[in-house]
PDB file of all heavy atoms in Angstrom:
ATOM      1  N   GLU A   1     -35.263  -1.467 -18.845  1.00  0.00           N
ATOM      2  CA  GLU A   1     -36.277  -1.428 -17.786  1.00  0.00           C
ATOM      3  C   GLU A   1     -35.973  -2.389 -16.643  1.00  0.00           C
ATOM      4  O   GLU A   1     -36.885  -2.902 -16.007  1.00  0.00           O
ATOM      5  CB  GLU A   1     -37.658  -1.713 -18.374  1.00  0.00           C
ATOM      6  CG  GLU A   1     -38.160  -0.619 -19.316  1.00  0.00           C
ATOM      7  CD  GLU A   1     -39.601  -0.831 -19.735  1.00  0.00           C
ATOM      8  OE1 GLU A   1     -39.977  -1.988 -20.012  1.00  0.00           O
ATOM      9  OE2 GLU A   1     -40.357   0.154 -19.785  1.00  0.00           O
ATOM     10  N   GLN A   2     -34.721  -2.605 -16.349  1.00  0.00           N
ATOM     11  CA  GLN A   2     -34.372  -3.522 -15.258  1.00  0.00           C
ATOM     12  C   GLN A   2     -34.895  -3.014 -13.910  1.00  0.00           C
ATOM     13  O   GLN A   2     -35.532  -3.764 -13.164  1.00  0.00           O
ATOM     14  CB  GLN A   2     -32.853  -3.706 -15.198  1.00  0.00           C
ATOM     15  CG  GLN A   2     -32.278  -4.515 -16.336  1.00  0.00           C
ATOM     16  CD  GLN A   2     -30.765  -4.574 -16.288  1.00  0.00           C
ATOM     17  OE1 GLN A   2     -30.114  -3.763 -15.616  1.00  0.00           O
ATOM     18  NE2 GLN A   2     -30.184  -5.520 -17.004  1.00  0.00           N
ATOM     19  N   VAL A   3     -34.632  -1.757 -13.576  1.00  0.00           N
ATOM     20  CA  VAL A   3     -35.104  -1.212 -12.297  1.00  0.00           C
ATOM     21  C   VAL A   3     -36.627  -1.233 -12.244  1.00  0.00           C
ATOM     22  O   VAL A   3     -37.235  -1.611 -11.232  1.00  0.00           O
ATOM     23  CB  VAL A   3     -34.568   0.216 -12.080  1.00  0.00           C
ATOM     24  CG1 VAL A   3     -35.203   0.849 -10.834  1.00  0.00           C
ATOM     25  CG2 VAL A   3     -33.057   0.194 -11.926  1.00  0.00           C
ATOM     26  N   TYR A   4     -37.264  -0.837 -13.345  1.00  0.00           N
ATOM     27  CA  TYR A   4     -38.722  -0.834 -13.395  1.00  0.00           C
ATOM     28  C   TYR A   4     -39.290  -2.217 -13.097  1.00  0.00           C
ATOM     29  O   TYR A   4     -40.235  -2.364 -12.307  1.00  0.00           O
ATOM     30  CB  TYR A   4     -39.178  -0.345 -14.769  1.00  0.00           C
ATOM     31  CG  TYR A   4     -40.656  -0.508 -15.023  1.00  0.00           C
ATOM     32  CD1 TYR A   4     -41.581   0.331 -14.416  1.00  0.00           C
ATOM     33  CD2 TYR A   4     -41.119  -1.511 -15.873  1.00  0.00           C
ATOM     34  CE1 TYR A   4     -42.940   0.179 -14.645  1.00  0.00           C
ATOM     35  CE2 TYR A   4     -42.473  -1.662 -16.112  1.00  0.00           C
ATOM     36  CZ  TYR A   4     -43.382  -0.816 -15.503  1.00  0.00           C
ATOM     37  OH  TYR A   4     -44.715  -0.979 -15.732  1.00  0.00           O
ATOM     38  N   ASP A   5     -38.732  -3.254 -13.714  1.00  0.00           N
ATOM     39  CA  ASP A   5     -39.248  -4.599 -13.488  1.00  0.00           C
ATOM     40  C   ASP A   5     -39.098  -5.014 -12.028  1.00  0.00           C
ATOM     41  O   ASP A   5     -39.978  -5.691 -11.466  1.00  0.00           O
ATOM     42  CB  ASP A   5     -38.535  -5.603 -14.398  1.00  0.00           C
ATOM     43  CG  ASP A   5     -39.064  -5.574 -15.823  1.00  0.00           C
ATOM     44  OD1 ASP A   5     -40.138  -4.980 -16.042  1.00  0.00           O
ATOM     45  OD2 ASP A   5     -38.408  -6.147 -16.714  1.00  0.00           O
ATOM     46  N   LEU A   6     -37.993  -4.620 -11.402  1.00  0.00           N
ATOM     47  CA  LEU A   6     -37.781  -4.995 -10.001  1.00  0.00           C
ATOM     48  C   LEU A   6     -38.741  -4.284  -9.059  1.00  0.00           C
ATOM     49  O   LEU A   6     -39.249  -4.885  -8.108  1.00  0.00           O
ATOM     50  CB  LEU A   6     -36.335  -4.675  -9.586  1.00  0.00           C
ATOM     51  CG  LEU A   6     -35.221  -5.452 -10.271  1.00  0.00           C
ATOM     52  CD1 LEU A   6     -33.869  -4.991  -9.736  1.00  0.00           C
ATOM     53  CD2 LEU A   6     -35.394  -6.948 -10.074  1.00  0.00           C
ATOM     54  N   VAL A   7     -38.993  -3.011  -9.306  1.00  0.00           N
ATOM     55  CA  VAL A   7     -39.758  -2.231  -8.336  1.00  0.00           C
ATOM     56  C   VAL A   7     -41.245  -2.184  -8.642  1.00  0.00           C
ATOM     57  O   VAL A   7     -42.047  -1.969  -7.723  1.00  0.00           O
ATOM     58  CB  VAL A   7     -39.208  -0.792  -8.214  1.00  0.00           C
ATOM     59  CG1 VAL A   7     -37.714  -0.824  -7.916  1.00  0.00           C
ATOM     60  CG2 VAL A   7     -39.482   0.032  -9.462  1.00  0.00           C
ATOM     61  N   TYR A   8     -41.633  -2.378  -9.889  1.00  0.00           N
ATOM     62  CA  TYR A   8     -43.051  -2.202 -10.209  1.00  0.00           C
ATOM     63  C   TYR A   8     -43.859  -3.472  -9.962  1.00  0.00           C
ATOM     64  O   TYR A   8     -44.942  -3.418  -9.392  1.00  0.00           O
ATOM     65  CB  TYR A   8     -43.235  -1.763 -11.663  1.00  0.00           C
ATOM     66  CG  TYR A   8     -44.693  -1.478 -11.978  1.00  0.00           C
ATOM     67  CD1 TYR A   8     -45.239  -0.225 -11.723  1.00  0.00           C
ATOM     68  CD2 TYR A   8     -45.530  -2.478 -12.450  1.00  0.00           C
ATOM     69  CE1 TYR A   8     -46.572   0.025 -11.959  1.00  0.00           C
ATOM     70  CE2 TYR A   8     -46.865  -2.231 -12.685  1.00  0.00           C
ATOM     71  CZ  TYR A   8     -47.385  -0.979 -12.443  1.00  0.00           C
ATOM     72  OH  TYR A   8     -48.719  -0.747 -12.662  1.00  0.00           O
ATOM     73  N   HIS A   9     -43.356  -4.592 -10.395  1.00  0.00           N
ATOM     74  CA  HIS A   9     -44.155  -5.818 -10.404  1.00  0.00           C
ATOM     75  C   HIS A   9     -44.250  -6.504  -9.052  1.00  0.00           C
ATOM     76  O   HIS A   9     -45.079  -7.405  -8.877  1.00  0.00           O
ATOM     77  CB  HIS A   9     -43.586  -6.807 -11.425  1.00  0.00           C
ATOM     78  CG  HIS A   9     -43.568  -6.292 -12.828  1.00  0.00           C
ATOM     79  ND1 HIS A   9     -44.728  -6.058 -13.539  1.00  0.00           N
ATOM     80  CD2 HIS A   9     -42.547  -5.944 -13.633  1.00  0.00           C
ATOM     81  CE1 HIS A   9     -44.409  -5.597 -14.737  1.00  0.00           C
ATOM     82  NE2 HIS A   9     -43.110  -5.506 -14.825  1.00  0.00           N
ATOM     83  N   VAL A  10     -43.422  -6.103  -8.101  1.00  0.00           N
ATOM     84  CA  VAL A  10     -43.301  -6.859  -6.847  1.00  0.00           C
ATOM     85  C   VAL A  10     -43.519  -5.954  -5.638  1.00  0.00           C
ATOM     86  O   VAL A  10     -42.902  -4.897  -5.518  1.00  0.00           O
ATOM     87  CB  VAL A  10     -41.908  -7.518  -6.754  1.00  0.00           C
ATOM     88  CG1 VAL A  10     -41.759  -8.241  -5.422  1.00  0.00           C
ATOM     89  CG2 VAL A  10     -41.687  -8.471  -7.918  1.00  0.00           C
ATOM     90  N   GLN A  11     -44.412  -6.380  -4.754  1.00  0.00           N
ATOM     91  CA  GLN A  11     -44.583  -5.753  -3.440  1.00  0.00           C
ATOM     92  C   GLN A  11     -44.019  -6.713  -2.394  1.00  0.00           C
ATOM     93  O   GLN A  11     -44.369  -7.893  -2.381  1.00  0.00           O
ATOM     94  CB  GLN A  11     -46.055  -5.453  -3.169  1.00  0.00           C
ATOM     95  CG  GLN A  11     -46.602  -4.311  -4.012  1.00  0.00           C
ATOM     96  CD  GLN A  11     -48.124  -4.257  -3.984  1.00  0.00           C
ATOM     97  OE1 GLN A  11     -48.784  -5.100  -4.579  1.00  0.00           O
ATOM     98  NE2 GLN A  11     -48.672  -3.269  -3.309  1.00  0.00           N
ATOM     99  N   ILE A  12     -43.168  -6.216  -1.541  1.00  0.00           N
ATOM    100  CA  ILE A  12     -42.419  -7.075  -0.621  1.00  0.00           C
ATOM    101  C   ILE A  12     -43.328  -7.616   0.482  1.00  0.00           C
ATOM    102  O   ILE A  12     -44.141  -6.883   1.067  1.00  0.00           O
ATOM    103  CB  ILE A  12     -41.231  -6.306  -0.016  1.00  0.00           C
ATOM    104  CG1 ILE A  12     -40.376  -5.722  -1.148  1.00  0.00           C
ATOM    105  CG2 ILE A  12     -40.400  -7.230   0.871  1.00  0.00           C
ATOM    106  CD1 ILE A  12     -39.879  -6.745  -2.155  1.00  0.00           C
ATOM    107  N   LEU A  13     -43.159  -8.909   0.761  1.00  0.00           N
ATOM    108  CA  LEU A  13     -43.977  -9.630   1.738  1.00  0.00           C
ATOM    109  C   LEU A  13     -43.149  -9.994   2.975  1.00  0.00           C
ATOM    110  O   LEU A  13     -41.927 -10.144   2.887  1.00  0.00           O
ATOM    111  CB  LEU A  13     -44.520 -10.917   1.109  1.00  0.00           C
ATOM    112  CG  LEU A  13     -45.449 -10.728  -0.101  1.00  0.00           C
ATOM    113  CD1 LEU A  13     -45.652 -12.060  -0.816  1.00  0.00           C
ATOM    114  CD2 LEU A  13     -46.779 -10.152   0.350  1.00  0.00           C
ATOM    115  N   PRO A  14     -43.803 -10.168   4.133  1.00  0.00           N
ATOM    116  CA  PRO A  14     -43.082 -10.512   5.373  1.00  0.00           C
ATOM    117  C   PRO A  14     -42.742 -12.001   5.434  1.00  0.00           C
ATOM    118  O   PRO A  14     -43.610 -12.837   5.684  1.00  0.00           O
ATOM    119  CB  PRO A  14     -44.066 -10.108   6.468  1.00  0.00           C
ATOM    120  CG  PRO A  14     -45.416 -10.245   5.833  1.00  0.00           C
ATOM    121  CD  PRO A  14     -45.237  -9.903   4.382  1.00  0.00           C
ATOM    122  N   ALA A  15     -41.486 -12.333   5.243  1.00  0.00           N
ATOM    123  CA  ALA A  15     -41.072 -13.737   5.244  1.00  0.00           C
ATOM    124  C   ALA A  15     -41.324 -14.396   6.597  1.00  0.00           C
ATOM    125  O   ALA A  15     -41.691 -15.574   6.665  1.00  0.00           O
ATOM    126  CB  ALA A  15     -39.593 -13.842   4.875  1.00  0.00           C
ATOM    127  N   HIS A  16     -41.145 -13.647   7.674  1.00  0.00           N
ATOM    128  CA  HIS A  16     -41.280 -14.262   9.000  1.00  0.00           C
ATOM    129  C   HIS A  16     -42.712 -14.687   9.306  1.00  0.00           C
ATOM    130  O   HIS A  16     -42.944 -15.486  10.208  1.00  0.00           O
ATOM    131  CB  HIS A  16     -40.777 -13.302  10.081  1.00  0.00           C
ATOM    132  CG  HIS A  16     -41.647 -12.103  10.308  1.00  0.00           C
ATOM    133  ND1 HIS A  16     -41.746 -11.066   9.407  1.00  0.00           N
ATOM    134  CD2 HIS A  16     -42.478 -11.774  11.349  1.00  0.00           C
ATOM    135  CE1 HIS A  16     -42.574 -10.141   9.884  1.00  0.00           C
ATOM    136  NE2 HIS A  16     -43.030 -10.544  11.059  1.00  0.00           N
ATOM    137  N   LEU A  17     -43.674 -14.184   8.549  1.00  0.00           N
ATOM    138  CA  LEU A  17     -45.071 -14.568   8.752  1.00  0.00           C
ATOM    139  C   LEU A  17     -45.582 -15.542   7.688  1.00  0.00           C
ATOM    140  O   LEU A  17     -46.566 -16.246   7.931  1.00  0.00           O
ATOM    141  CB  LEU A  17     -45.959 -13.314   8.740  1.00  0.00           C
ATOM    142  CG  LEU A  17     -45.706 -12.296   9.854  1.00  0.00           C
ATOM    143  CD1 LEU A  17     -46.569 -11.060   9.626  1.00  0.00           C
ATOM    144  CD2 LEU A  17     -46.003 -12.913  11.218  1.00  0.00           C
ATOM    145  N   LEU A  18     -44.926 -15.590   6.530  1.00  0.00           N
ATOM    146  CA  LEU A  18     -45.472 -16.362   5.420  1.00  0.00           C
ATOM    147  C   LEU A  18     -44.650 -17.577   5.015  1.00  0.00           C
ATOM    148  O   LEU A  18     -45.157 -18.420   4.273  1.00  0.00           O
ATOM    149  CB  LEU A  18     -45.627 -15.442   4.194  1.00  0.00           C
ATOM    150  CG  LEU A  18     -46.592 -14.263   4.344  1.00  0.00           C
ATOM    151  CD1 LEU A  18     -46.678 -13.484   3.032  1.00  0.00           C
ATOM    152  CD2 LEU A  18     -47.971 -14.732   4.763  1.00  0.00           C
ATOM    153  N   ASP A  19     -43.402 -17.683   5.464  1.00  0.00           N
ATOM    154  CA  ASP A  19     -42.572 -18.764   4.944  1.00  0.00           C
ATOM    155  C   ASP A  19     -42.986 -20.137   5.438  1.00  0.00           C
ATOM    156  O   ASP A  19     -42.506 -21.157   4.915  1.00  0.00           O
ATOM    157  CB  ASP A  19     -41.093 -18.506   5.245  1.00  0.00           C
ATOM    158  CG  ASP A  19     -40.780 -18.404   6.726  1.00  0.00           C
ATOM    159  OD1 ASP A  19     -41.716 -18.510   7.546  1.00  0.00           O
ATOM    160  OD2 ASP A  19     -39.595 -18.205   7.069  1.00  0.00           O
ATOM    161  N   THR A  20     -43.866 -20.213   6.410  1.00  0.00           N
ATOM    162  CA  THR A  20     -44.360 -21.520   6.884  1.00  0.00           C
ATOM    163  C   THR A  20     -45.755 -21.828   6.366  1.00  0.00           C
ATOM    164  O   THR A  20     -46.305 -22.886   6.689  1.00  0.00           O
ATOM    165  CB  THR A  20     -44.379 -21.555   8.422  1.00  0.00           C
ATOM    166  OG1 THR A  20     -45.227 -20.518   8.910  1.00  0.00           O
ATOM    167  CG2 THR A  20     -42.974 -21.382   8.990  1.00  0.00           C
ATOM    168  N   ILE A  21     -46.334 -20.922   5.557  1.00  0.00           N
ATOM    169  CA  ILE A  21     -47.694 -21.125   5.041  1.00  0.00           C
ATOM    170  C   ILE A  21     -47.610 -21.537   3.574  1.00  0.00           C
ATOM    171  O   ILE A  21     -47.139 -20.761   2.743  1.00  0.00           O
ATOM    172  CB  ILE A  21     -48.545 -19.849   5.164  1.00  0.00           C
ATOM    173  CG1 ILE A  21     -48.593 -19.354   6.609  1.00  0.00           C
ATOM    174  CG2 ILE A  21     -49.953 -20.089   4.637  1.00  0.00           C
ATOM    175  CD1 ILE A  21     -49.339 -18.039   6.783  1.00  0.00           C
ATOM    176  N   PRO A  22     -48.026 -22.759   3.216  1.00  0.00           N
ATOM    177  CA  PRO A  22     -48.063 -23.129   1.796  1.00  0.00           C
ATOM    178  C   PRO A  22     -48.948 -22.147   1.026  1.00  0.00           C
ATOM    179  O   PRO A  22     -49.984 -21.718   1.523  1.00  0.00           O
ATOM    180  CB  PRO A  22     -48.665 -24.540   1.813  1.00  0.00           C
ATOM    181  CG  PRO A  22     -48.436 -25.047   3.203  1.00  0.00           C
ATOM    182  CD  PRO A  22     -48.502 -23.834   4.089  1.00  0.00           C
ATOM    183  N   HIS A  23     -48.512 -21.791  -0.168  1.00  0.00           N
ATOM    184  CA  HIS A  23     -49.243 -20.759  -0.903  1.00  0.00           C
ATOM    185  C   HIS A  23     -50.688 -21.160  -1.155  1.00  0.00           C
ATOM    186  O   HIS A  23     -51.583 -20.313  -1.149  1.00  0.00           O
ATOM    187  CB  HIS A  23     -48.550 -20.448  -2.228  1.00  0.00           C
ATOM    188  CG  HIS A  23     -49.144 -19.249  -2.918  1.00  0.00           C
ATOM    189  ND1 HIS A  23     -50.120 -19.351  -3.895  1.00  0.00           N
ATOM    190  CD2 HIS A  23     -48.935 -17.916  -2.744  1.00  0.00           C
ATOM    191  CE1 HIS A  23     -50.469 -18.135  -4.285  1.00  0.00           C
ATOM    192  NE2 HIS A  23     -49.769 -17.254  -3.617  1.00  0.00           N
ATOM    193  N   GLU A  24     -50.946 -22.436  -1.358  1.00  0.00           N
ATOM    194  CA  GLU A  24     -52.320 -22.871  -1.619  1.00  0.00           C
ATOM    195  C   GLU A  24     -53.222 -22.680  -0.410  1.00  0.00           C
ATOM    196  O   GLU A  24     -54.454 -22.696  -0.545  1.00  0.00           O
ATOM    197  CB  GLU A  24     -52.348 -24.328  -2.085  1.00  0.00           C
ATOM    198  CG  GLU A  24     -51.803 -25.339  -1.099  1.00  0.00           C
ATOM    199  CD  GLU A  24     -50.295 -25.558  -1.249  1.00  0.00           C
ATOM    200  OE1 GLU A  24     -49.637 -24.710  -1.884  1.00  0.00           O
ATOM    201  OE2 GLU A  24     -49.804 -26.575  -0.716  1.00  0.00           O
ATOM    202  N   ARG A  25     -52.629 -22.467   0.775  1.00  0.00           N
ATOM    203  CA  ARG A  25     -53.416 -22.241   1.986  1.00  0.00           C
ATOM    204  C   ARG A  25     -53.423 -20.771   2.416  1.00  0.00           C
ATOM    205  O   ARG A  25     -54.064 -20.422   3.411  1.00  0.00           O
ATOM    206  CB  ARG A  25     -52.880 -23.099   3.142  1.00  0.00           C
ATOM    207  CG  ARG A  25     -52.970 -24.597   2.885  1.00  0.00           C
ATOM    208  CD  ARG A  25     -52.433 -25.382   4.068  1.00  0.00           C
ATOM    209  NE  ARG A  25     -52.423 -26.816   3.808  1.00  0.00           N
ATOM    210  CZ  ARG A  25     -51.920 -27.728   4.631  1.00  0.00           C
ATOM    211  NH1 ARG A  25     -51.378 -27.327   5.784  1.00  0.00           N
ATOM    212  NH2 ARG A  25     -51.946 -29.002   4.320  1.00  0.00           N
ATOM    213  N   LEU A  26     -52.700 -19.941   1.674  1.00  0.00           N
ATOM    214  CA  LEU A  26     -52.567 -18.546   2.084  1.00  0.00           C
ATOM    215  C   LEU A  26     -53.911 -17.824   2.088  1.00  0.00           C
ATOM    216  O   LEU A  26     -54.201 -17.020   2.992  1.00  0.00           O
ATOM    217  CB  LEU A  26     -51.591 -17.827   1.142  1.00  0.00           C
ATOM    218  CG  LEU A  26     -51.326 -16.348   1.422  1.00  0.00           C
ATOM    219  CD1 LEU A  26     -50.843 -16.137   2.845  1.00  0.00           C
ATOM    220  CD2 LEU A  26     -50.327 -15.797   0.418  1.00  0.00           C
ATOM    221  N   GLY A  27     -54.764 -18.083   1.098  1.00  0.00           N
ATOM    222  CA  GLY A  27     -56.045 -17.392   1.004  1.00  0.00           C
ATOM    223  C   GLY A  27     -56.968 -17.647   2.174  1.00  0.00           C
ATOM    224  O   GLY A  27     -57.840 -16.818   2.472  1.00  0.00           O
ATOM    225  N   SER A  28     -56.807 -18.764   2.854  1.00  0.00           N
ATOM    226  CA  SER A  28     -57.665 -19.095   4.008  1.00  0.00           C
ATOM    227  C   SER A  28     -56.943 -18.915   5.329  1.00  0.00           C
ATOM    228  O   SER A  28     -57.471 -19.300   6.381  1.00  0.00           O
ATOM    229  CB  SER A  28     -58.156 -20.546   3.890  1.00  0.00           C
ATOM    230  OG  SER A  28     -57.068 -21.461   3.834  1.00  0.00           O
ATOM    231  N   SER A  29     -55.758 -18.329   5.304  1.00  0.00           N
ATOM    232  CA  SER A  29     -54.959 -18.188   6.515  1.00  0.00           C
ATOM    233  C   SER A  29     -55.388 -16.988   7.347  1.00  0.00           C
ATOM    234  O   SER A  29     -56.106 -16.098   6.873  1.00  0.00           O
ATOM    235  CB  SER A  29     -53.484 -18.038   6.154  1.00  0.00           C
ATOM    236  OG  SER A  29     -53.267 -16.804   5.480  1.00  0.00           O
ATOM    237  N   ALA A  30     -54.915 -16.940   8.578  1.00  0.00           N
ATOM    238  CA  ALA A  30     -55.180 -15.784   9.440  1.00  0.00           C
ATOM    239  C   ALA A  30     -54.543 -14.530   8.871  1.00  0.00           C
ATOM    240  O   ALA A  30     -55.076 -13.431   9.019  1.00  0.00           O
ATOM    241  CB  ALA A  30     -54.651 -16.071  10.849  1.00  0.00           C
ATOM    242  N   PHE A  31     -53.400 -14.678   8.193  1.00  0.00           N
ATOM    243  CA  PHE A  31     -52.733 -13.527   7.585  1.00  0.00           C
ATOM    244  C   PHE A  31     -53.632 -12.883   6.529  1.00  0.00           C
ATOM    245  O   PHE A  31     -53.704 -11.648   6.437  1.00  0.00           O
ATOM    246  CB  PHE A  31     -51.418 -13.967   6.953  1.00  0.00           C
ATOM    247  CG  PHE A  31     -50.644 -12.845   6.324  1.00  0.00           C
ATOM    248  CD1 PHE A  31     -49.739 -12.110   7.067  1.00  0.00           C
ATOM    249  CD2 PHE A  31     -50.814 -12.524   4.985  1.00  0.00           C
ATOM    250  CE1 PHE A  31     -49.017 -11.068   6.507  1.00  0.00           C
ATOM    251  CE2 PHE A  31     -50.102 -11.488   4.405  1.00  0.00           C
ATOM    252  CZ  PHE A  31     -49.204 -10.754   5.159  1.00  0.00           C
ATOM    253  N   ALA A  32     -54.319 -13.687   5.742  1.00  0.00           N
ATOM    254  CA  ALA A  32     -55.195 -13.143   4.698  1.00  0.00           C
ATOM    255  C   ALA A  32     -56.386 -12.402   5.280  1.00  0.00           C
ATOM    256  O   ALA A  32     -56.928 -11.486   4.645  1.00  0.00           O
ATOM    257  CB  ALA A  32     -55.678 -14.266   3.775  1.00  0.00           C
ATOM    258  N   GLN A  33     -56.793 -12.769   6.472  1.00  0.00           N
ATOM    259  CA  GLN A  33     -57.928 -12.105   7.112  1.00  0.00           C
ATOM    260  C   GLN A  33     -57.537 -10.766   7.731  1.00  0.00           C
ATOM    261  O   GLN A  33     -58.384  -9.873   7.877  1.00  0.00           O
ATOM    262  CB  GLN A  33     -58.523 -13.013   8.201  1.00  0.00           C
ATOM    263  CG  GLN A  33     -58.968 -14.372   7.700  1.00  0.00           C
ATOM    264  CD  GLN A  33     -59.925 -14.274   6.533  1.00  0.00           C
ATOM    265  OE1 GLN A  33     -60.917 -13.541   6.589  1.00  0.00           O
ATOM    266  NE2 GLN A  33     -59.639 -15.012   5.463  1.00  0.00           N
ATOM    267  N   ALA A  34     -56.270 -10.605   8.069  1.00  0.00           N
ATOM    268  CA  ALA A  34     -55.778  -9.349   8.648  1.00  0.00           C
ATOM    269  C   ALA A  34     -54.326  -9.173   8.214  1.00  0.00           C
ATOM    270  O   ALA A  34     -53.399  -9.431   8.981  1.00  0.00           O
ATOM    271  CB  ALA A  34     -55.897  -9.355  10.171  1.00  0.00           C
ATOM    272  N   PRO A  35     -54.110  -8.745   6.973  1.00  0.00           N
ATOM    273  CA  PRO A  35     -52.752  -8.678   6.424  1.00  0.00           C
ATOM    274  C   PRO A  35     -51.854  -7.719   7.198  1.00  0.00           C
ATOM    275  O   PRO A  35     -52.285  -6.671   7.682  1.00  0.00           O
ATOM    276  CB  PRO A  35     -52.976  -8.170   4.989  1.00  0.00           C
ATOM    277  CG  PRO A  35     -54.418  -8.448   4.690  1.00  0.00           C
ATOM    278  CD  PRO A  35     -55.126  -8.331   5.998  1.00  0.00           C
TER     279      PRO A  35
END
């Protein structure tokens, strides 16, 4: 189930918008309000 694990469990995120936001602040970020 190698392919399954790669494609099922993960939805790809935009690095250019999220790599500067600490994960603990993501829920209150502008991105979370309008993904």
